[in-house]
Amino acid sequence: MKPETTNDVPFTEADYTYGKPQDRIVKLLQLGFSRDDVFHDIYKKCAMSIRTKKDKQELANIIAQIDDISVFSKGTIPKGA
């Protein structure tokens, strides 16, 4: 059963200790969240390290690459980000 929002997907102790953003991206995509939802979730939780448009594009690309299982995929930055 898909949670209503990404905020409903809890962090485990292992996520806090060993987690990487890629782990959460995979988990959220597997739960059926859209790339835009995943982008906003990761952006909100990692805002200190995502500052420029280039950083945002790199995040969008990582999400697309994981979702498509292709290192050649390019993502789009969602509106409002």
PDB file of N, CA and C in Angstrom:
ATOM      1  N   MET A   1       0.834  -1.179   0.000  1.00  0.00           N
ATOM      2  CA  MET A   1       0.000   0.000   0.000  1.00  0.00           C
ATOM      3  C   MET A   1       0.878   1.242   0.000  1.00  0.00           C
ATOM      4  N   LYS A   2       0.666   2.111  -0.966  1.00  0.00           N
ATOM      5  CA  LYS A   2       1.477   3.317  -1.113  1.00  0.00           C
ATOM      6  C   LYS A   2       1.087   4.353  -0.057  1.00  0.00           C
ATOM      7  N   PRO A   3       2.080   4.910   0.650  1.00  0.00           N
ATOM      8  CA  PRO A   3       1.792   6.013   1.572  1.00  0.00           C
ATOM      9  C   PRO A   3       1.255   7.220   0.797  1.00  0.00           C
ATOM     10  N   GLU A   4       0.521   8.092   1.478  1.00  0.00           N
ATOM     11  CA  GLU A   4      -0.065   9.253   0.803  1.00  0.00           C
ATOM     12  C   GLU A   4       0.981  10.256   0.353  1.00  0.00           C
ATOM     13  N   THR A   5       1.982  10.509   1.173  1.00  0.00           N
ATOM     14  CA  THR A   5       3.038  11.457   0.821  1.00  0.00           C
ATOM     15  C   THR A   5       4.397  10.848   1.145  1.00  0.00           C
ATOM     16  N   THR A   6       5.443  11.456   0.627  1.00  0.00           N
ATOM     17  CA  THR A   6       6.791  10.973   0.937  1.00  0.00           C
ATOM     18  C   THR A   6       7.115  11.179   2.410  1.00  0.00           C
ATOM     19  N   ASN A   7       6.457  12.137   3.059  1.00  0.00           N
ATOM     20  CA  ASN A   7       6.682  12.351   4.489  1.00  0.00           C
ATOM     21  C   ASN A   7       6.193  11.169   5.315  1.00  0.00           C
ATOM     22  N   ASP A   8       5.308  10.356   4.747  1.00  0.00           N
ATOM     23  CA  ASP A   8       4.797   9.181   5.447  1.00  0.00           C
ATOM     24  C   ASP A   8       5.743   7.986   5.355  1.00  0.00           C
ATOM     25  N   VAL A   9       6.832   8.136   4.616  1.00  0.00           N
ATOM     26  CA  VAL A   9       7.836   7.071   4.505  1.00  0.00           C
ATOM     27  C   VAL A   9       8.908   7.374   5.551  1.00  0.00           C
ATOM     28  N   PRO A  10       8.914   6.596   6.635  1.00  0.00           N
ATOM     29  CA  PRO A  10       9.821   6.929   7.741  1.00  0.00           C
ATOM     30  C   PRO A  10      11.275   6.615   7.425  1.00  0.00           C
ATOM     31  N   PHE A  11      12.131   7.309   8.145  1.00  0.00           N
ATOM     32  CA  PHE A  11      13.551   6.992   8.127  1.00  0.00           C
ATOM     33  C   PHE A  11      13.786   5.951   9.206  1.00  0.00           C
ATOM     34  N   THR A  12      14.594   4.960   8.891  1.00  0.00           N
ATOM     35  CA  THR A  12      14.970   3.976   9.892  1.00  0.00           C
ATOM     36  C   THR A  12      16.273   4.432  10.532  1.00  0.00           C
ATOM     37  N   GLU A  13      16.656   3.786  11.604  1.00  0.00           N
ATOM     38  CA  GLU A  13      17.933   4.106  12.252  1.00  0.00           C
ATOM     39  C   GLU A  13      19.085   3.903  11.269  1.00  0.00           C
ATOM     40  N   ALA A  14      18.993   2.872  10.439  1.00  0.00           N
ATOM     41  CA  ALA A  14      20.041   2.625   9.441  1.00  0.00           C
ATOM     42  C   ALA A  14      20.101   3.754   8.418  1.00  0.00           C
ATOM     43  N   ASP A  15      18.934   4.316   8.053  1.00  0.00           N
ATOM     44  CA  ASP A  15      18.924   5.442   7.109  1.00  0.00           C
ATOM     45  C   ASP A  15      19.701   6.622   7.678  1.00  0.00           C
ATOM     46  N   TYR A  16      19.496   6.894   8.957  1.00  0.00           N
ATOM     47  CA  TYR A  16      20.199   8.019   9.587  1.00  0.00           C
ATOM     48  C   TYR A  16      21.693   7.746   9.703  1.00  0.00           C
ATOM     49  N   THR A  17      22.051   6.503   9.984  1.00  0.00           N
ATOM     50  CA  THR A  17      23.448   6.163  10.207  1.00  0.00           C
ATOM     51  C   THR A  17      24.212   5.941   8.910  1.00  0.00           C
ATOM     52  N   TYR A  18      23.618   5.162   7.997  1.00  0.00           N
ATOM     53  CA  TYR A  18      24.341   4.754   6.793  1.00  0.00           C
ATOM     54  C   TYR A  18      23.713   5.233   5.496  1.00  0.00           C
ATOM     55  N   GLY A  19      22.522   5.785   5.584  1.00  0.00           N
ATOM     56  CA  GLY A  19      21.747   6.091   4.385  1.00  0.00           C
ATOM     57  C   GLY A  19      22.392   7.097   3.460  1.00  0.00           C
ATOM     58  N   LYS A  20      22.086   6.935   2.208  1.00  0.00           N
ATOM     59  CA  LYS A  20      22.512   7.856   1.167  1.00  0.00           C
ATOM     60  C   LYS A  20      21.251   8.290   0.433  1.00  0.00           C
ATOM     61  N   PRO A  21      21.258   9.469  -0.176  1.00  0.00           N
ATOM     62  CA  PRO A  21      20.056   9.895  -0.899  1.00  0.00           C
ATOM     63  C   PRO A  21      19.597   8.880  -1.942  1.00  0.00           C
ATOM     64  N   GLN A  22      20.546   8.176  -2.585  1.00  0.00           N
ATOM     65  CA  GLN A  22      20.170   7.200  -3.601  1.00  0.00           C
ATOM     66  C   GLN A  22      19.295   6.089  -3.014  1.00  0.00           C
ATOM     67  N   ASP A  23      19.557   5.696  -1.777  1.00  0.00           N
ATOM     68  CA  ASP A  23      18.751   4.653  -1.141  1.00  0.00           C
ATOM     69  C   ASP A  23      17.302   5.108  -0.992  1.00  0.00           C
ATOM     70  N   ARG A  24      17.106   6.342  -0.577  1.00  0.00           N
ATOM     71  CA  ARG A  24      15.755   6.869  -0.403  1.00  0.00           C
ATOM     72  C   ARG A  24      15.070   7.051  -1.763  1.00  0.00           C
ATOM     73  N   ILE A  25      15.822   7.477  -2.776  1.00  0.00           N
ATOM     74  CA  ILE A  25      15.261   7.629  -4.122  1.00  0.00           C
ATOM     75  C   ILE A  25      14.702   6.287  -4.598  1.00  0.00           C
ATOM     76  N   VAL A  26      15.478   5.220  -4.448  1.00  0.00           N
ATOM     77  CA  VAL A  26      15.031   3.894  -4.870  1.00  0.00           C
ATOM     78  C   VAL A  26      13.774   3.500  -4.105  1.00  0.00           C
ATOM     79  N   LYS A  27      13.792   3.698  -2.786  1.00  0.00           N
ATOM     80  CA  LYS A  27      12.651   3.316  -1.953  1.00  0.00           C
ATOM     81  C   LYS A  27      11.387   4.057  -2.382  1.00  0.00           C
ATOM     82  N   LEU A  28      11.487   5.367  -2.602  1.00  0.00           N
ATOM     83  CA  LEU A  28      10.307   6.160  -2.976  1.00  0.00           C
ATOM     84  C   LEU A  28       9.795   5.793  -4.364  1.00  0.00           C
ATOM     85  N   LEU A  29      10.699   5.567  -5.312  1.00  0.00           N
ATOM     86  CA  LEU A  29      10.277   5.161  -6.653  1.00  0.00           C
ATOM     87  C   LEU A  29       9.596   3.791  -6.620  1.00  0.00           C
ATOM     88  N   GLN A  30      10.125   2.880  -5.818  1.00  0.00           N
ATOM     89  CA  GLN A  30       9.525   1.547  -5.709  1.00  0.00           C
ATOM     90  C   GLN A  30       8.127   1.619  -5.089  1.00  0.00           C
ATOM     91  N   LEU A  31       7.902   2.617  -4.221  1.00  0.00           N
ATOM     92  CA  LEU A  31       6.590   2.778  -3.615  1.00  0.00           C
ATOM     93  C   LEU A  31       5.591   3.433  -4.573  1.00  0.00           C
ATOM     94  N   GLY A  32       6.080   3.903  -5.725  1.00  0.00           N
ATOM     95  CA  GLY A  32       5.187   4.448  -6.739  1.00  0.00           C
ATOM     96  C   GLY A  32       5.092   5.961  -6.788  1.00  0.00           C
ATOM     97  N   PHE A  33       5.978   6.652  -6.102  1.00  0.00           N
ATOM     98  CA  PHE A  33       5.970   8.114  -6.158  1.00  0.00           C
ATOM     99  C   PHE A  33       6.565   8.588  -7.476  1.00  0.00           C
ATOM    100  N   SER A  34       6.084   9.731  -7.940  1.00  0.00           N
ATOM    101  CA  SER A  34       6.582  10.296  -9.195  1.00  0.00           C
ATOM    102  C   SER A  34       7.978  10.873  -9.005  1.00  0.00           C
ATOM    103  N   ARG A  35       8.639  11.101 -10.118  1.00  0.00           N
ATOM    104  CA  ARG A  35       9.966  11.723 -10.052  1.00  0.00           C
ATOM    105  C   ARG A  35       9.900  13.098  -9.385  1.00  0.00           C
ATOM    106  N   ASP A  36       8.843  13.851  -9.677  1.00  0.00           N
ATOM    107  CA  ASP A  36       8.695  15.180  -9.066  1.00  0.00           C
ATOM    108  C   ASP A  36       8.547  15.072  -7.555  1.00  0.00           C
ATOM    109  N   ASP A  37       7.743  14.112  -7.086  1.00  0.00           N
ATOM    110  CA  ASP A  37       7.580  13.903  -5.644  1.00  0.00           C
ATOM    111  C   ASP A  37       8.911  13.538  -4.998  1.00  0.00           C
ATOM    112  N   VAL A  38       9.647  12.660  -5.657  1.00  0.00           N
ATOM    113  CA  VAL A  38      10.944  12.226  -5.134  1.00  0.00           C
ATOM    114  C   VAL A  38      11.914  13.416  -5.108  1.00  0.00           C
ATOM    115  N   PHE A  39      11.917  14.198  -6.183  1.00  0.00           N
ATOM    116  CA  PHE A  39      12.796  15.370  -6.242  1.00  0.00           C
ATOM    117  C   PHE A  39      12.522  16.296  -5.063  1.00  0.00           C
ATOM    118  N   HIS A  40      11.262  16.638  -4.846  1.00  0.00           N
ATOM    119  CA  HIS A  40      10.912  17.559  -3.767  1.00  0.00           C
ATOM    120  C   HIS A  40      11.275  16.993  -2.393  1.00  0.00           C
ATOM    121  N   ASP A  41      11.086  15.694  -2.205  1.00  0.00           N
ATOM    122  CA  ASP A  41      11.439  15.064  -0.934  1.00  0.00           C
ATOM    123  C   ASP A  41      12.940  15.160  -0.673  1.00  0.00           C
ATOM    124  N   ILE A  42      13.741  14.771  -1.640  1.00  0.00           N
ATOM    125  CA  ILE A  42      15.193  14.794  -1.470  1.00  0.00           C
ATOM    126  C   ILE A  42      15.688  16.232  -1.356  1.00  0.00           C
ATOM    127  N   TYR A  43      15.143  17.119  -2.165  1.00  0.00           N
ATOM    128  CA  TYR A  43      15.553  18.523  -2.116  1.00  0.00           C
ATOM    129  C   TYR A  43      15.292  19.104  -0.736  1.00  0.00           C
ATOM    130  N   LYS A  44      14.129  18.805  -0.180  1.00  0.00           N
ATOM    131  CA  LYS A  44      13.772  19.338   1.141  1.00  0.00           C
ATOM    132  C   LYS A  44      14.708  18.789   2.218  1.00  0.00           C
ATOM    133  N   LYS A  45      15.070  17.538   2.116  1.00  0.00           N
ATOM    134  CA  LYS A  45      15.899  16.912   3.141  1.00  0.00           C
ATOM    135  C   LYS A  45      17.392  17.195   2.953  1.00  0.00           C
ATOM    136  N   CYS A  46      17.791  17.602   1.759  1.00  0.00           N
ATOM    137  CA  CYS A  46      19.210  17.856   1.470  1.00  0.00           C
ATOM    138  C   CYS A  46      19.440  19.294   0.993  1.00  0.00           C
ATOM    139  N   ALA A  47      18.587  20.209   1.393  1.00  0.00           N
ATOM    140  CA  ALA A  47      18.650  21.583   0.873  1.00  0.00           C
ATOM    141  C   ALA A  47      20.005  22.242   1.092  1.00  0.00           C
ATOM    142  N   MET A  48      20.710  21.862   2.128  1.00  0.00           N
ATOM    143  CA  MET A  48      22.011  22.472   2.399  1.00  0.00           C
ATOM    144  C   MET A  48      23.030  22.150   1.303  1.00  0.00           C
ATOM    145  N   SER A  49      22.885  21.012   0.643  1.00  0.00           N
ATOM    146  CA  SER A  49      23.869  20.618  -0.361  1.00  0.00           C
ATOM    147  C   SER A  49      23.395  20.842  -1.796  1.00  0.00           C
ATOM    148  N   ILE A  50      22.145  21.280  -1.957  1.00  0.00           N
ATOM    149  CA  ILE A  50      21.603  21.532  -3.296  1.00  0.00           C
ATOM    150  C   ILE A  50      21.282  23.018  -3.384  1.00  0.00           C
ATOM    151  N   ARG A  51      22.192  23.776  -3.965  1.00  0.00           N
ATOM    152  CA  ARG A  51      22.042  25.235  -3.942  1.00  0.00           C
ATOM    153  C   ARG A  51      21.845  25.855  -5.322  1.00  0.00           C
ATOM    154  N   THR A  52      22.529  25.343  -6.311  1.00  0.00           N
ATOM    155  CA  THR A  52      22.508  25.977  -7.629  1.00  0.00           C
ATOM    156  C   THR A  52      21.599  25.209  -8.590  1.00  0.00           C
ATOM    157  N   LYS A  53      21.337  25.830  -9.734  1.00  0.00           N
ATOM    158  CA  LYS A  53      20.544  25.154 -10.762  1.00  0.00           C
ATOM    159  C   LYS A  53      21.263  23.896 -11.240  1.00  0.00           C
ATOM    160  N   LYS A  54      22.591  23.947 -11.297  1.00  0.00           N
ATOM    161  CA  LYS A  54      23.375  22.778 -11.699  1.00  0.00           C
ATOM    162  C   LYS A  54      23.166  21.640 -10.702  1.00  0.00           C
ATOM    163  N   ASP A  55      23.152  21.950  -9.393  1.00  0.00           N
ATOM    164  CA  ASP A  55      22.907  20.937  -8.362  1.00  0.00           C
ATOM    165  C   ASP A  55      21.519  20.323  -8.534  1.00  0.00           C
ATOM    166  N   LYS A  56      20.535  21.166  -8.815  1.00  0.00           N
ATOM    167  CA  LYS A  56      19.168  20.681  -9.017  1.00  0.00           C
ATOM    168  C   LYS A  56      19.086  19.774 -10.239  1.00  0.00           C
ATOM    169  N   GLN A  57      19.781  20.148 -11.305  1.00  0.00           N
ATOM    170  CA  GLN A  57      19.771  19.328 -12.517  1.00  0.00           C
ATOM    171  C   GLN A  57      20.438  17.983 -12.258  1.00  0.00           C
ATOM    172  N   GLU A  58      21.527  18.000 -11.503  1.00  0.00           N
ATOM    173  CA  GLU A  58      22.202  16.747 -11.176  1.00  0.00           C
ATOM    174  C   GLU A  58      21.285  15.826 -10.364  1.00  0.00           C
ATOM    175  N   LEU A  59      20.524  16.394  -9.422  1.00  0.00           N
ATOM    176  CA  LEU A  59      19.574  15.592  -8.653  1.00  0.00           C
ATOM    177  C   LEU A  59      18.496  15.017  -9.570  1.00  0.00           C
ATOM    178  N   ALA A  60      17.941  15.855 -10.444  1.00  0.00           N
ATOM    179  CA  ALA A  60      16.917  15.383 -11.385  1.00  0.00           C
ATOM    180  C   ALA A  60      17.470  14.266 -12.269  1.00  0.00           C
ATOM    181  N   ASN A  61      18.720  14.394 -12.699  1.00  0.00           N
ATOM    182  CA  ASN A  61      19.346  13.360 -13.527  1.00  0.00           C
ATOM    183  C   ASN A  61      19.530  12.054 -12.759  1.00  0.00           C
ATOM    184  N   ILE A  62      19.954  12.146 -11.507  1.00  0.00           N
ATOM    185  CA  ILE A  62      20.144  10.939 -10.692  1.00  0.00           C
ATOM    186  C   ILE A  62      18.826  10.198 -10.533  1.00  0.00           C
ATOM    187  N   ILE A  63      17.762  10.946 -10.255  1.00  0.00           N
ATOM    188  CA  ILE A  63      16.443  10.332 -10.097  1.00  0.00           C
ATOM    189  C   ILE A  63      16.026   9.639 -11.393  1.00  0.00           C
ATOM    190  N   ALA A  64      16.213  10.303 -12.527  1.00  0.00           N
ATOM    191  CA  ALA A  64      15.850   9.717 -13.831  1.00  0.00           C
ATOM    192  C   ALA A  64      16.695   8.483 -14.127  1.00  0.00           C
ATOM    193  N   GLN A  65      17.982   8.545 -13.837  1.00  0.00           N
ATOM    194  CA  GLN A  65      18.866   7.414 -14.103  1.00  0.00           C
ATOM    195  C   GLN A  65      18.482   6.197 -13.271  1.00  0.00           C
ATOM    196  N   ILE A  66      18.127   6.434 -12.008  1.00  0.00           N
ATOM    197  CA  ILE A  66      17.694   5.327 -11.150  1.00  0.00           C
ATOM    198  C   ILE A  66      16.363   4.778 -11.635  1.00  0.00           C
ATOM    199  N   ASP A  67      15.443   5.670 -11.986  1.00  0.00           N
ATOM    200  CA  ASP A  67      14.113   5.244 -12.417  1.00  0.00           C
ATOM    201  C   ASP A  67      14.167   4.469 -13.738  1.00  0.00           C
ATOM    202  N   ASP A  68      14.978   4.934 -14.666  1.00  0.00           N
ATOM    203  CA  ASP A  68      15.085   4.288 -15.984  1.00  0.00           C
ATOM    204  C   ASP A  68      16.108   3.156 -16.028  1.00  0.00           C
ATOM    205  N   ILE A  69      16.915   3.052 -14.990  1.00  0.00           N
ATOM    206  CA  ILE A  69      18.037   2.118 -14.948  1.00  0.00           C
ATOM    207  C   ILE A  69      18.930   2.351 -16.172  1.00  0.00           C
ATOM    208  N   SER A  70      19.281   3.610 -16.360  1.00  0.00           N
ATOM    209  CA  SER A  70      20.132   4.006 -17.485  1.00  0.00           C
ATOM    210  C   SER A  70      20.965   5.222 -17.094  1.00  0.00           C
ATOM    211  N   VAL A  71      22.267   5.106 -17.244  1.00  0.00           N
ATOM    212  CA  VAL A  71      23.142   6.225 -16.907  1.00  0.00           C
ATOM    213  C   VAL A  71      23.034   7.367 -17.915  1.00  0.00           C
ATOM    214  N   PHE A  72      22.326   7.160 -19.004  1.00  0.00           N
ATOM    215  CA  PHE A  72      22.190   8.175 -20.032  1.00  0.00           C
ATOM    216  C   PHE A  72      20.937   9.037 -19.855  1.00  0.00           C
ATOM    217  N   SER A  73      20.079   8.687 -18.911  1.00  0.00           N
ATOM    218  CA  SER A  73      18.829   9.426 -18.721  1.00  0.00           C
ATOM    219  C   SER A  73      19.080  10.829 -18.188  1.00  0.00           C
ATOM    220  N   LYS A  74      18.281  11.741 -18.653  1.00  0.00           N
ATOM    221  CA  LYS A  74      18.316  13.139 -18.194  1.00  0.00           C
ATOM    222  C   LYS A  74      16.972  13.460 -17.565  1.00  0.00           C
ATOM    223  N   GLY A  75      17.002  14.061 -16.403  1.00  0.00           N
ATOM    224  CA  GLY A  75      15.779  14.435 -15.716  1.00  0.00           C
ATOM    225  C   GLY A  75      15.431  15.886 -15.962  1.00  0.00           C
ATOM    226  N   THR A  76      14.239  16.270 -15.518  1.00  0.00           N
ATOM    227  CA  THR A  76      13.834  17.667 -15.582  1.00  0.00           C
ATOM    228  C   THR A  76      13.569  18.155 -14.171  1.00  0.00           C
ATOM    229  N   ILE A  77      13.936  19.407 -13.950  1.00  0.00           N
ATOM    230  CA  ILE A  77      13.707  20.021 -12.635  1.00  0.00           C
ATOM    231  C   ILE A  77      12.229  20.373 -12.552  1.00  0.00           C
ATOM    232  N   PRO A  78      11.534  19.908 -11.511  1.00  0.00           N
ATOM    233  CA  PRO A  78      10.099  20.213 -11.396  1.00  0.00           C
ATOM    234  C   PRO A  78       9.858  21.704 -11.182  1.00  0.00           C
ATOM    235  N   LYS A  79       8.707  22.177 -11.610  1.00  0.00           N
ATOM    236  CA  LYS A  79       8.340  23.572 -11.367  1.00  0.00           C
ATOM    237  C   LYS A  79       8.238  23.803  -9.880  1.00  0.00           C
ATOM    238  N   GLY A  80       8.650  24.957  -9.447  1.00  0.00           N
ATOM    239  CA  GLY A  80       8.595  25.309  -8.035  1.00  0.00           C
ATOM    240  C   GLY A  80       9.804  24.870  -7.246  1.00  0.00           C
ATOM    241  N   ALA A  81      10.788  24.309  -7.915  1.00  0.00           N
ATOM    242  CA  ALA A  81      11.989  23.852  -7.204  1.00  0.00           C
ATOM    243  C   ALA A  81      13.093  24.862  -7.334  1.00  0.00           C
TER     244      ALA A  81
END
